């Protein structure tokens, strides 16, 4: 249990730092659409589906914990999507807010399906 907790913690820290770095390097567009968070969540959804479907990882629970809830859990963020959607709506950008919320969920689900197909599930 201690090794698993450490693997998740270290992975989570790495994922969170990667997310922070991407959002710093790629700020929201002029229209306010949070492209970096959108890309992070779609890529993270794809990668999580690949990791979960990858047989070699399934046979290594410590690696699965480090990569799944660790790295990718720290990398992706529903809370940022929720807050950014609220901020867009409060700022009068209701259409952009709705588009962002729906596009994020839709693209993430498509990314999961693509990830599953990549690993043959």
Foldseek 3Di string as FASTA:
>chain_A
DVLLVVLQAVLLVQQQVVQVVQCVVDPADPLLQGVSLLVQLLVLLLVLLLQVLPPVNVVPVSSSSNNHCRNSVNNHDPPVLVVSLVVCVVVVNPVSSVCSVVSSVVSSVVSSVVSNVVSPD
